[in-house]
Amino acid sequence: MNFEIVYAESRNATREIHALSAGLTVGDALRSSPLAQALSGGLIESLDVGIFGERCAHSRVLKAGDRIELYRDLSVDPKTQRRARAKG
């Protein structure tokens, strides 16, 4: 059984697939992920994460097929960006 870790930027996404072992938590998975290590600068606890679009704690136990999503800060509020585009 597997789970995946994904990180999306504006034009591309990075994906890692890992084998799932019993009792593995989101935090455990992030500590073993080269992608998460690179993005957090070693401060895994600082990463905002979710599974299938719902934020979750690092203590959540993973299930087969889970997709851990690494969230980044938004540079622009989406509502503000849409209003600016609509004004032209």
C-alpha atoms as a PDB file:
ATOM      1  CA  MET A   1       0.000   0.000   0.000  1.00  0.00           C
ATOM      2  CA  ASN A   2       1.205   3.503  -0.818  1.00  0.00           C
ATOM      3  CA  PHE A   3       0.616   7.154  -0.010  1.00  0.00           C
ATOM      4  CA  GLU A   4       1.869  10.238  -1.804  1.00  0.00           C
ATOM      5  CA  ILE A   5       3.201  13.671  -0.943  1.00  0.00           C
ATOM      6  CA  VAL A   6       2.509  16.536  -3.354  1.00  0.00           C
ATOM      7  CA  TYR A   7       3.503  20.181  -3.635  1.00  0.00           C
ATOM      8  CA  ALA A   8       2.071  22.477  -6.301  1.00  0.00           C
ATOM      9  CA  GLU A   9       3.568  25.676  -7.583  1.00  0.00           C
ATOM     10  CA  SER A  10       2.013  28.024 -10.114  1.00  0.00           C
ATOM     11  CA  ARG A  11       3.100  26.035 -13.169  1.00  0.00           C
ATOM     12  CA  ASN A  12       4.160  22.597 -11.958  1.00  0.00           C
ATOM     13  CA  ALA A  13       3.679  20.024  -9.245  1.00  0.00           C
ATOM     14  CA  THR A  14       6.110  17.699  -7.505  1.00  0.00           C
ATOM     15  CA  ARG A  15       4.970  14.279  -6.344  1.00  0.00           C
ATOM     16  CA  GLU A  16       6.587  11.572  -4.242  1.00  0.00           C
ATOM     17  CA  ILE A  17       5.175   8.103  -3.722  1.00  0.00           C
ATOM     18  CA  HIS A  18       6.081   6.212  -0.556  1.00  0.00           C
ATOM     19  CA  ALA A  19       5.279   2.816   0.924  1.00  0.00           C
ATOM     20  CA  LEU A  20       2.897   2.888   3.855  1.00  0.00           C
ATOM     21  CA  SER A  21       3.769   1.142   7.097  1.00  0.00           C
ATOM     22  CA  ALA A  22       1.322   0.580   9.955  1.00  0.00           C
ATOM     23  CA  GLY A  23       0.873   3.499  12.334  1.00  0.00           C
ATOM     24  CA  LEU A  24       2.764   6.019  10.180  1.00  0.00           C
ATOM     25  CA  THR A  25       1.692   9.608  10.890  1.00  0.00           C
ATOM     26  CA  VAL A  26       1.771  12.626   8.611  1.00  0.00           C
ATOM     27  CA  GLY A  27       4.701  13.999  10.629  1.00  0.00           C
ATOM     28  CA  ASP A  28       6.623  10.738  10.282  1.00  0.00           C
ATOM     29  CA  ALA A  29       6.059  10.782   6.538  1.00  0.00           C
ATOM     30  CA  LEU A  30       7.218  14.385   6.232  1.00  0.00           C
ATOM     31  CA  ARG A  31      10.392  13.718   8.209  1.00  0.00           C
ATOM     32  CA  SER A  32      11.317  10.980   5.713  1.00  0.00           C
ATOM     33  CA  SER A  33      10.465  13.072   2.633  1.00  0.00           C
ATOM     34  CA  PRO A  34      13.273  14.839   0.745  1.00  0.00           C
ATOM     35  CA  LEU A  35      10.682  17.242  -0.702  1.00  0.00           C
ATOM     36  CA  ALA A  36       9.289  18.232   2.704  1.00  0.00           C
ATOM     37  CA  GLN A  37      12.796  18.586   4.121  1.00  0.00           C
ATOM     38  CA  ALA A  38      13.802  20.918   1.285  1.00  0.00           C
ATOM     39  CA  LEU A  39      10.674  23.074   1.534  1.00  0.00           C
ATOM     40  CA  SER A  40      10.786  23.458   5.301  1.00  0.00           C
ATOM     41  CA  GLY A  41      14.518  23.898   5.709  1.00  0.00           C
ATOM     42  CA  GLY A  42      14.405  21.102   8.262  1.00  0.00           C
ATOM     43  CA  LEU A  43      11.550  22.679  10.258  1.00  0.00           C
ATOM     44  CA  ILE A  44       8.935  20.067   9.372  1.00  0.00           C
ATOM     45  CA  GLU A  45       6.557  21.245  12.114  1.00  0.00           C
ATOM     46  CA  SER A  46       6.243  24.598  10.323  1.00  0.00           C
ATOM     47  CA  LEU A  47       4.637  23.070   7.229  1.00  0.00           C
ATOM     48  CA  ASP A  48       0.896  23.488   6.732  1.00  0.00           C
ATOM     49  CA  VAL A  49      -0.487  20.213   5.394  1.00  0.00           C
ATOM     50  CA  GLY A  50      -3.715  18.525   4.447  1.00  0.00           C
ATOM     51  CA  ILE A  51      -5.045  15.315   3.021  1.00  0.00           C
ATOM     52  CA  PHE A  52      -7.231  15.629  -0.074  1.00  0.00           C
ATOM     53  CA  GLY A  53      -7.830  19.345   0.494  1.00  0.00           C
ATOM     54  CA  GLU A  54      -8.618  19.221   4.203  1.00  0.00           C
ATOM     55  CA  ARG A  55      -6.065  20.575   6.660  1.00  0.00           C
ATOM     56  CA  CYS A  56      -4.854  18.047   9.176  1.00  0.00           C
ATOM     57  CA  ALA A  57      -2.484  17.710  12.106  1.00  0.00           C
ATOM     58  CA  HIS A  58       0.938  16.150  11.791  1.00  0.00           C
ATOM     59  CA  SER A  59      -0.264  13.522  14.270  1.00  0.00           C
ATOM     60  CA  ARG A  60      -2.894  12.099  11.904  1.00  0.00           C
ATOM     61  CA  VAL A  61      -2.345   8.435  11.085  1.00  0.00           C
ATOM     62  CA  LEU A  62      -2.126   7.756   7.354  1.00  0.00           C
ATOM     63  CA  LYS A  63      -4.299   5.326   5.432  1.00  0.00           C
ATOM     64  CA  ALA A  64      -3.539   3.597   2.153  1.00  0.00           C
ATOM     65  CA  GLY A  65      -3.996   5.936  -0.784  1.00  0.00           C
ATOM     66  CA  ASP A  66      -3.792   9.170   1.242  1.00  0.00           C
ATOM     67  CA  ARG A  67      -2.325  12.196  -0.530  1.00  0.00           C
ATOM     68  CA  ILE A  68      -0.471  14.572   1.772  1.00  0.00           C
ATOM     69  CA  GLU A  69      -0.599  18.077   0.323  1.00  0.00           C
ATOM     70  CA  LEU A  70       2.034  20.619   1.316  1.00  0.00           C
ATOM     71  CA  TYR A  71       0.508  24.095   1.408  1.00  0.00           C
ATOM     72  CA  ARG A  72       2.343  27.324   0.664  1.00  0.00           C
ATOM     73  CA  ASP A  73       1.481  30.896   1.576  1.00  0.00           C
ATOM     74  CA  LEU A  74      -0.437  32.796  -1.073  1.00  0.00           C
ATOM     75  CA  SER A  75       1.351  35.780  -2.569  1.00  0.00           C
ATOM     76  CA  VAL A  76      -1.961  37.438  -3.518  1.00  0.00           C
ATOM     77  CA  ASP A  77      -5.442  36.970  -2.129  1.00  0.00           C
ATOM     78  CA  PRO A  78      -7.451  35.097  -4.824  1.00  0.00           C
ATOM     79  CA  LYS A  79     -10.479  37.396  -4.421  1.00  0.00           C
ATOM     80  CA  THR A  80      -8.327  40.481  -4.884  1.00  0.00           C
ATOM     81  CA  GLN A  81      -6.690  38.937  -7.937  1.00  0.00           C
ATOM     82  CA  ARG A  82     -10.076  38.122  -9.550  1.00  0.00           C
ATOM     83  CA  ARG A  83     -11.371  41.656  -8.898  1.00  0.00           C
ATOM     84  CA  ALA A  84      -8.254  43.145 -10.516  1.00  0.00           C
ATOM     85  CA  ARG A  85      -8.670  40.926 -13.598  1.00  0.00           C
ATOM     86  CA  ALA A  86     -12.362  41.827 -13.872  1.00  0.00           C
ATOM     87  CA  LYS A  87     -11.584  45.554 -13.829  1.00  0.00           C
ATOM     88  CA  GLY A  88      -9.142  44.934 -16.672  1.00  0.00           C
END
